[in-house]
Amino acid sequence: MMKTVHLAVYDTFSDWEPGHATAHINRPLWHREPGTWQVKTVGPTAEPVTSMGGMRVTPDVVLADLKPADSAMLILPGLALEADPAAFGPFGAKAREFLAAGVPVAAICGATFGLAAEGLLNDRPHTSNAAEYLAYSGYSGGEHFVYEPAVTDGDLITATGTRPVEFARAILGRLDIFEPHILEAWYQLYGNNDPAGFFALAEYEAGRTAATV
C-alpha cells in the first residue's frame, strides 16, 4: 500500500528546507520497503503558489480536503510570515488536527513560529531558530525550548531553519523509511560529508541488487 507524506506549499515557502526529506522519501533507492512512499503537495487552494526561491508549484491537494487518515505525515516548511502573518493560520489548525489524530507533523523555521502561535508548543519539547524568535509569537512554552538542531517529541518534529539535513534525518527516522544503519550512513554522507557514508550506502545498494538477480 502506498504511503503518502504531504508537503505544505504556500507563497514564500522555503523550498530548500524540506528538500533533503522529500527527495529521499520519493527516492526508493535505500528504502526499507521500496516503492511504498510518495510525496504530495498541499496548498491553501488549488491555485499555484510561488516558493521563496521563485519556483511555481501547483498543489496536488487542497488543505481543506486533506484528512489525517489519508496521510503518513504533514511537513511544514518555513515561510516569510512578515509578508502575510495570517497565511500560516489554516496550516496551524490542520497541524492540530493531525496531532489529535496521532499523525506526525514536522515543522521547520517559520512554521515553528506558526505552531507556537497556534498553541501547539506550549507544553512539549521543541526547537526553532531561537528561543527569542518564538517568544514573539506570544506563546507560553519557552521553558520547553531545546537548543538542538531538531527535536522529536512523539508525533511532533521541530527544527531550526539552518539545519535541513537534521530535519530530514528526524523525518526519515520517524517514518522508519530506512533501516537504522542506513539512516546512520545517510547522515554520515549528507550531514557530515563523510565518505564512509557513501560507501556504506553503495554496499547496501549493491547487496540489494545482487539479491534480486
Protein backbone atom coordinates (compact mmCIF):
# COMPACT_ATOMS: atom_id res chain seq x y z
CA MET A 1 0.00 0.00 0.00
CA MET A 2 1.35 3.42 -0.97
CA LYS A 3 2.07 5.75 1.95
CA THR A 4 1.74 9.48 1.31
CA VAL A 5 3.61 12.28 3.02
CA HIS A 6 2.10 15.72 2.48
CA LEU A 7 4.29 18.77 1.99
CA ALA A 8 2.64 22.11 2.69
CA VAL A 9 3.20 24.73 -0.01
CA TYR A 10 2.24 28.37 0.35
CA ASP A 11 3.55 31.59 -1.14
CA THR A 12 7.15 32.23 0.02
CA PHE A 13 7.60 28.68 1.37
CA SER A 14 11.29 27.96 1.89
CA ASP A 15 11.86 25.37 -0.82
CA TRP A 16 15.31 24.29 0.40
CA GLU A 17 14.25 23.41 3.95
CA PRO A 18 12.26 20.21 3.24
CA GLY A 19 14.29 19.24 0.16
CA HIS A 20 16.51 16.56 1.70
CA ALA A 21 13.48 14.93 3.30
CA THR A 22 11.17 14.97 0.30
CA ALA A 23 13.88 13.85 -2.14
CA HIS A 24 14.73 10.80 -0.08
CA ILE A 25 11.11 9.95 0.69
CA ASN A 26 10.43 9.90 -3.05
CA ARG A 27 13.70 8.17 -3.98
CA PRO A 28 13.30 4.44 -3.21
CA LEU A 29 16.97 3.50 -3.59
CA TRP A 30 17.72 2.79 0.08
CA HIS A 31 14.19 2.34 1.39
CA ARG A 32 13.35 -0.48 3.74
CA GLU A 33 10.26 -1.10 1.54
CA PRO A 34 10.96 0.29 -1.95
CA GLY A 35 8.00 1.63 -3.90
CA THR A 36 5.75 2.35 -0.92
CA TRP A 37 6.35 6.07 -0.32
CA GLN A 38 5.38 9.24 -2.16
CA VAL A 39 5.16 12.97 -1.50
CA LYS A 40 2.19 15.13 -2.47
CA THR A 41 1.91 18.87 -2.07
CA VAL A 42 -0.96 20.52 -0.22
CA GLY A 43 -1.84 24.18 -0.71
CA PRO A 44 -4.33 26.67 0.71
CA THR A 45 -6.26 26.47 -2.59
CA ALA A 46 -5.79 24.71 -5.92
CA GLU A 47 -4.05 27.80 -7.33
CA PRO A 48 -0.26 27.74 -7.92
CA VAL A 49 1.99 29.19 -5.23
CA THR A 50 5.48 30.62 -5.54
CA SER A 51 8.30 29.50 -3.28
CA MET A 52 10.91 31.79 -1.77
CA GLY A 53 13.26 30.56 -4.49
CA GLY A 54 10.82 31.57 -7.22
CA MET A 55 9.53 28.09 -8.10
CA ARG A 56 5.84 27.88 -9.00
CA VAL A 57 4.07 24.84 -7.59
CA THR A 58 0.53 23.70 -8.30
CA PRO A 59 -0.72 21.83 -5.21
CA ASP A 60 -1.82 18.22 -5.55
CA VAL A 61 -4.32 18.59 -2.72
CA VAL A 62 -6.30 21.46 -1.23
CA LEU A 63 -5.79 21.86 2.52
CA ALA A 64 -9.50 21.74 3.35
CA ASP A 65 -9.74 18.33 1.69
CA LEU A 66 -6.75 16.79 3.49
CA LYS A 67 -7.64 14.25 6.17
CA PRO A 68 -5.11 12.86 8.68
CA ALA A 69 -6.26 9.34 7.84
CA ASP A 70 -5.01 9.83 4.28
CA SER A 71 -1.52 10.92 5.31
CA ALA A 72 1.60 9.50 6.95
CA MET A 73 2.94 12.95 7.89
CA LEU A 74 2.44 16.67 7.28
CA ILE A 75 5.66 18.58 6.59
CA LEU A 76 5.54 22.34 7.15
CA PRO A 77 8.42 24.39 5.67
CA GLY A 78 9.22 27.91 6.74
CA LEU A 79 7.79 30.99 5.04
CA ALA A 80 8.06 34.77 5.08
CA LEU A 81 5.46 35.44 7.74
CA GLU A 82 6.16 39.17 7.66
CA ALA A 83 4.70 39.27 4.13
CA ASP A 84 1.38 37.79 5.27
CA PRO A 85 1.17 36.95 9.01
CA ALA A 86 -2.18 35.17 8.56
CA ALA A 87 -1.02 32.87 5.75
CA PHE A 88 0.02 30.04 8.05
CA GLY A 89 -3.10 30.03 10.21
CA PRO A 90 -5.07 27.30 8.38
CA PHE A 91 -1.98 25.08 8.32
CA GLY A 92 -1.53 25.51 12.06
CA ALA A 93 -5.12 24.42 12.56
CA LYS A 94 -4.54 21.42 10.29
CA ALA A 95 -1.42 20.51 12.29
CA ARG A 96 -3.55 20.49 15.42
CA GLU A 97 -5.99 18.14 13.69
CA PHE A 98 -3.15 15.83 12.62
CA LEU A 99 -1.62 15.66 16.09
CA ALA A 100 -5.00 15.00 17.68
CA ALA A 101 -5.40 12.06 15.28
CA GLY A 102 -1.92 10.70 16.09
CA VAL A 103 -0.45 11.55 12.67
CA PRO A 104 3.04 13.12 12.75
CA VAL A 105 3.76 16.76 11.92
CA ALA A 106 7.21 18.14 11.07
CA ALA A 107 7.82 21.90 11.13
CA ILE A 108 10.93 23.95 10.46
CA CYS A 109 11.89 27.63 10.75
CA GLY A 110 8.90 29.98 10.33
CA ALA A 111 6.48 27.07 10.54
CA THR A 112 7.56 26.50 14.15
CA PHE A 113 6.55 30.11 14.84
CA GLY A 114 3.16 29.33 13.34
CA LEU A 115 2.77 26.27 15.56
CA ALA A 116 3.76 28.32 18.59
CA ALA A 117 1.11 30.91 17.70
CA GLU A 118 -1.40 28.06 17.38
CA GLY A 119 -0.54 26.98 20.95
CA LEU A 120 0.91 23.64 19.92
CA LEU A 121 4.31 24.20 21.52
CA ASN A 122 3.18 25.36 24.94
CA ASP A 123 3.56 22.01 26.70
CA ARG A 124 6.09 19.94 24.74
CA PRO A 125 9.84 19.95 23.99
CA HIS A 126 10.58 21.81 20.77
CA THR A 127 13.12 23.93 18.96
CA SER A 128 13.22 26.68 16.36
CA ASN A 129 15.57 29.33 15.04
CA ALA A 130 15.96 30.81 18.53
CA ALA A 131 14.05 30.94 21.78
CA GLU A 132 13.77 34.73 21.42
CA TYR A 133 12.26 34.30 17.97
CA LEU A 134 9.44 32.06 19.24
CA ALA A 135 8.81 34.40 22.17
CA TYR A 136 7.44 36.97 19.72
CA SER A 137 4.58 34.56 18.98
CA GLY A 138 3.20 35.20 22.46
CA TYR A 139 3.22 31.51 23.32
CA SER A 140 3.79 30.18 26.84
CA GLY A 141 6.14 27.30 26.06
CA GLY A 142 9.51 28.99 26.42
CA GLU A 143 10.56 26.67 29.27
CA HIS A 144 10.28 23.71 26.87
CA PHE A 145 12.63 25.16 24.26
CA VAL A 146 15.56 22.84 23.47
CA TYR A 147 18.79 24.14 21.96
CA GLU A 148 19.20 21.41 19.35
CA PRO A 149 19.02 21.48 15.53
CA ALA A 150 15.96 19.21 15.52
CA VAL A 151 13.74 17.85 18.28
CA THR A 152 11.31 14.95 18.09
CA ASP A 153 8.59 14.76 20.73
CA GLY A 154 6.24 11.91 19.94
CA ASP A 155 4.40 12.88 16.77
CA LEU A 156 5.89 16.37 16.51
CA ILE A 157 9.23 17.28 14.91
CA THR A 158 10.57 20.83 15.06
CA ALA A 159 13.81 22.18 13.63
CA THR A 160 15.83 25.32 13.10
CA GLY A 161 15.83 26.64 9.55
CA THR A 162 19.61 26.41 9.21
CA ARG A 163 19.73 22.61 9.63
CA PRO A 164 17.61 20.97 6.91
CA VAL A 165 19.67 17.76 6.98
CA GLU A 166 18.96 17.22 10.67
CA PHE A 167 15.31 17.98 9.93
CA ALA A 168 15.32 15.32 7.21
CA ARG A 169 17.05 12.80 9.48
CA ALA A 170 14.33 13.26 12.09
CA ILE A 171 11.61 12.85 9.46
CA LEU A 172 13.13 9.77 7.86
CA GLY A 173 13.68 8.25 11.28
CA ARG A 174 10.14 8.95 12.48
CA LEU A 175 8.68 7.43 9.31
CA ASP A 176 11.04 4.43 9.60
CA ILE A 177 11.81 4.60 5.88
CA PHE A 178 15.41 3.40 6.25
CA GLU A 179 16.84 0.64 8.38
CA PRO A 180 18.69 2.24 11.33
CA HIS A 181 22.19 1.56 9.98
CA ILE A 182 21.20 3.01 6.59
CA LEU A 183 19.87 6.17 8.21
CA GLU A 184 23.15 6.44 10.09
CA ALA A 185 25.11 6.06 6.84
CA TRP A 186 22.82 8.55 5.13
CA TYR A 187 23.57 11.14 7.80
CA GLN A 188 27.29 10.37 7.65
CA LEU A 189 27.17 11.34 3.98
CA TYR A 190 24.70 14.23 3.90
CA GLY A 191 25.20 15.61 7.38
CA ASN A 192 28.92 15.12 7.92
CA ASN A 193 30.27 14.86 4.35
CA ASP A 194 31.92 11.61 5.44
CA PRO A 195 32.84 9.30 2.51
CA ALA A 196 32.26 6.31 4.78
CA GLY A 197 28.55 7.03 4.49
CA PHE A 198 28.71 6.91 0.70
CA PHE A 199 30.50 3.57 0.68
CA ALA A 200 28.09 2.08 3.22
CA LEU A 201 25.13 3.14 1.08
CA ALA A 202 26.79 1.85 -2.08
CA GLU A 203 27.46 -1.51 -0.44
CA TYR A 204 23.84 -1.73 0.68
CA GLU A 205 22.64 -0.87 -2.82
CA ALA A 206 24.93 -3.44 -4.41
CA GLY A 207 23.84 -6.13 -2.00
CA ARG A 208 20.18 -5.44 -2.65
CA THR A 209 20.75 -5.52 -6.41
CA ALA A 210 22.62 -8.83 -6.17
CA ALA A 211 19.81 -10.35 -4.12
CA THR A 212 17.28 -9.63 -6.86
CA VAL A 213 19.36 -11.07 -9.71
